[in-house]
Amino acid sequence: MLEDPKALEYEENIVLTEDVEGFDYVRQSVAQSAPSEPVDPRTVAPGVWGEITERAWGAPLDEV
């Protein structure tokens, strides 16, 4: 997903419809119809792109 900062510049808050504390990942989507990469719910905040972490990936991330 391209992380266009303008896509999130108007966010004031994020409303979660269920408790995500026990989830390893959530899907982050901004005006797109296809699901995006899984992101760690602990990294999601208004105006901030969530991050793909080892927890969200379910295994250690490949070294690049």
N, C-alpha and C. Protein backbone atom coordinates (compact mmCIF):
# COMPACT_ATOMS: atom_id res chain seq x y z
N MET A 1 0.84 -1.16 0.00
CA MET A 1 0.00 0.00 0.00
C MET A 1 0.90 1.24 0.00
N LEU A 2 0.57 2.17 -0.84
CA LEU A 2 1.30 3.42 -0.86
C LEU A 2 0.86 4.25 0.34
N GLU A 3 1.79 4.72 1.10
CA GLU A 3 1.48 5.48 2.31
C GLU A 3 1.43 6.96 2.01
N ASP A 4 0.33 7.38 1.42
CA ASP A 4 0.12 8.79 1.08
C ASP A 4 -0.29 9.53 2.35
N PRO A 5 0.55 10.45 2.84
CA PRO A 5 0.23 11.16 4.09
C PRO A 5 -1.07 11.95 3.99
N LYS A 6 -1.45 12.39 2.80
CA LYS A 6 -2.69 13.16 2.64
C LYS A 6 -3.93 12.31 2.87
N ALA A 7 -3.80 11.00 2.71
CA ALA A 7 -4.94 10.11 2.90
C ALA A 7 -5.41 10.08 4.34
N LEU A 8 -4.52 10.41 5.28
CA LEU A 8 -4.86 10.34 6.71
C LEU A 8 -4.86 11.70 7.40
N GLU A 9 -4.60 12.77 6.68
CA GLU A 9 -4.40 14.07 7.33
C GLU A 9 -5.64 14.60 8.05
N TYR A 10 -6.81 14.12 7.71
CA TYR A 10 -8.03 14.63 8.36
C TYR A 10 -8.54 13.73 9.49
N GLU A 11 -7.85 12.64 9.76
CA GLU A 11 -8.30 11.75 10.83
C GLU A 11 -8.16 12.43 12.19
N GLU A 12 -9.22 12.33 12.97
CA GLU A 12 -9.20 12.85 14.33
C GLU A 12 -9.21 11.73 15.35
N ASN A 13 -9.87 10.62 14.99
CA ASN A 13 -9.89 9.46 15.87
C ASN A 13 -10.18 8.22 15.05
N ILE A 14 -10.03 7.09 15.68
CA ILE A 14 -10.32 5.80 15.05
C ILE A 14 -11.33 5.10 15.93
N VAL A 15 -12.40 4.63 15.32
CA VAL A 15 -13.45 3.94 16.06
C VAL A 15 -13.32 2.45 15.77
N LEU A 16 -13.05 1.68 16.79
CA LEU A 16 -12.96 0.23 16.66
C LEU A 16 -14.29 -0.37 17.08
N THR A 17 -14.81 -1.28 16.27
CA THR A 17 -16.12 -1.88 16.57
C THR A 17 -16.03 -3.09 17.47
N GLU A 18 -14.81 -3.55 17.73
CA GLU A 18 -14.60 -4.62 18.70
C GLU A 18 -13.24 -4.45 19.36
N ASP A 19 -13.05 -5.16 20.46
CA ASP A 19 -11.80 -5.09 21.19
C ASP A 19 -10.71 -5.81 20.40
N VAL A 20 -9.68 -5.10 19.98
CA VAL A 20 -8.62 -5.69 19.15
C VAL A 20 -7.40 -6.09 19.98
N GLU A 21 -7.47 -5.97 21.27
CA GLU A 21 -6.33 -6.27 22.14
C GLU A 21 -5.77 -7.67 21.91
N GLY A 22 -6.64 -8.63 21.67
CA GLY A 22 -6.18 -10.00 21.47
C GLY A 22 -5.81 -10.35 20.04
N PHE A 23 -5.98 -9.40 19.12
CA PHE A 23 -5.67 -9.66 17.72
C PHE A 23 -4.19 -9.43 17.45
N ASP A 24 -3.59 -10.31 16.67
CA ASP A 24 -2.20 -10.11 16.25
C ASP A 24 -2.12 -9.08 15.13
N TYR A 25 -3.18 -8.97 14.33
CA TYR A 25 -3.18 -8.01 13.24
C TYR A 25 -4.59 -7.54 12.93
N VAL A 26 -4.68 -6.42 12.27
CA VAL A 26 -5.91 -5.90 11.69
C VAL A 26 -5.60 -5.50 10.26
N ARG A 27 -6.61 -5.41 9.43
CA ARG A 27 -6.41 -4.96 8.05
C ARG A 27 -6.66 -3.46 8.00
N GLN A 28 -5.74 -2.76 7.40
CA GLN A 28 -5.83 -1.31 7.28
C GLN A 28 -6.23 -0.98 5.85
N SER A 29 -7.30 -0.24 5.68
CA SER A 29 -7.76 0.11 4.34
C SER A 29 -8.17 1.57 4.33
N VAL A 30 -7.76 2.35 3.28
CA VAL A 30 -8.10 3.77 3.13
C VAL A 30 -8.62 3.96 1.72
N ALA A 31 -9.98 4.04 1.53
CA ALA A 31 -10.62 4.29 0.21
C ALA A 31 -10.22 3.27 -0.83
N GLN A 32 -10.05 2.01 -0.50
CA GLN A 32 -9.68 0.96 -1.45
C GLN A 32 -10.63 -0.22 -1.25
N SER A 33 -10.88 -0.95 -2.29
CA SER A 33 -11.81 -2.08 -2.18
C SER A 33 -11.12 -3.39 -1.81
N ALA A 34 -9.83 -3.52 -2.08
CA ALA A 34 -9.11 -4.76 -1.77
C ALA A 34 -8.48 -4.66 -0.39
N PRO A 35 -8.42 -5.78 0.34
CA PRO A 35 -7.77 -5.73 1.66
C PRO A 35 -6.29 -5.40 1.52
N SER A 36 -5.79 -4.69 2.48
CA SER A 36 -4.38 -4.33 2.47
C SER A 36 -3.60 -5.27 3.37
N GLU A 37 -2.34 -4.97 3.55
CA GLU A 37 -1.48 -5.80 4.39
C GLU A 37 -1.93 -5.76 5.85
N PRO A 38 -1.64 -6.82 6.60
CA PRO A 38 -1.98 -6.82 8.01
C PRO A 38 -1.05 -5.90 8.79
N VAL A 39 -1.62 -5.14 9.70
CA VAL A 39 -0.81 -4.25 10.54
C VAL A 39 -1.07 -4.57 12.01
N ASP A 40 -0.10 -4.30 12.83
CA ASP A 40 -0.20 -4.51 14.28
C ASP A 40 -1.17 -3.47 14.84
N PRO A 41 -2.25 -3.89 15.50
CA PRO A 41 -3.23 -2.93 16.01
C PRO A 41 -2.65 -1.95 17.04
N ARG A 42 -1.52 -2.33 17.66
CA ARG A 42 -0.89 -1.43 18.64
C ARG A 42 -0.22 -0.24 17.96
N THR A 43 -0.06 -0.29 16.62
CA THR A 43 0.63 0.79 15.91
C THR A 43 -0.34 1.71 15.19
N VAL A 44 -1.63 1.45 15.28
CA VAL A 44 -2.63 2.25 14.59
C VAL A 44 -3.04 3.43 15.46
N ALA A 45 -3.00 4.62 14.87
CA ALA A 45 -3.40 5.85 15.58
C ALA A 45 -3.91 6.84 14.54
N PRO A 46 -4.71 7.83 14.95
CA PRO A 46 -5.20 8.83 14.00
C PRO A 46 -4.04 9.51 13.29
N GLY A 47 -4.14 9.56 11.96
CA GLY A 47 -3.13 10.23 11.16
C GLY A 47 -1.83 9.48 10.99
N VAL A 48 -1.78 8.23 11.47
CA VAL A 48 -0.55 7.43 11.43
C VAL A 48 -0.84 6.11 10.72
N TRP A 49 -0.01 5.75 9.76
CA TRP A 49 -0.16 4.45 9.11
C TRP A 49 0.25 3.36 10.08
N GLY A 50 -0.53 2.28 10.17
CA GLY A 50 -0.17 1.14 10.98
C GLY A 50 1.07 0.46 10.41
N GLU A 51 1.78 -0.26 11.26
CA GLU A 51 3.02 -0.90 10.84
C GLU A 51 2.88 -2.41 10.77
N ILE A 52 3.58 -3.00 9.80
CA ILE A 52 3.66 -4.45 9.72
C ILE A 52 4.78 -4.87 10.66
N THR A 53 4.44 -5.60 11.69
CA THR A 53 5.44 -6.06 12.66
C THR A 53 5.51 -7.58 12.62
N GLU A 54 6.46 -8.15 13.33
CA GLU A 54 6.54 -9.60 13.41
C GLU A 54 5.26 -10.18 13.99
N ARG A 55 4.66 -9.48 14.93
CA ARG A 55 3.40 -9.94 15.52
C ARG A 55 2.30 -9.98 14.46
N ALA A 56 2.22 -8.96 13.62
CA ALA A 56 1.19 -8.91 12.58
C ALA A 56 1.45 -9.95 11.49
N TRP A 57 2.71 -10.19 11.20
CA TRP A 57 3.08 -11.14 10.15
C TRP A 57 2.92 -12.58 10.62
N GLY A 58 2.99 -12.80 11.92
CA GLY A 58 2.85 -14.14 12.47
C GLY A 58 4.15 -14.93 12.49
N ALA A 59 5.23 -14.27 12.12
CA ALA A 59 6.55 -14.91 12.09
C ALA A 59 7.59 -13.81 11.94
N PRO A 60 8.85 -14.13 12.18
CA PRO A 60 9.87 -13.11 11.97
C PRO A 60 9.85 -12.58 10.55
N LEU A 61 10.02 -11.29 10.39
CA LEU A 61 10.06 -10.67 9.06
C LEU A 61 11.35 -11.04 8.37
N ASP A 62 11.28 -11.22 7.06
CA ASP A 62 12.48 -11.52 6.28
C ASP A 62 13.42 -10.33 6.32
N GLU A 63 14.70 -10.61 6.43
CA GLU A 63 15.72 -9.55 6.36
C GLU A 63 15.85 -9.13 4.91
N VAL A 64 15.87 -7.85 4.66
CA VAL A 64 15.99 -7.33 3.29
C VAL A 64 17.39 -6.87 3.04
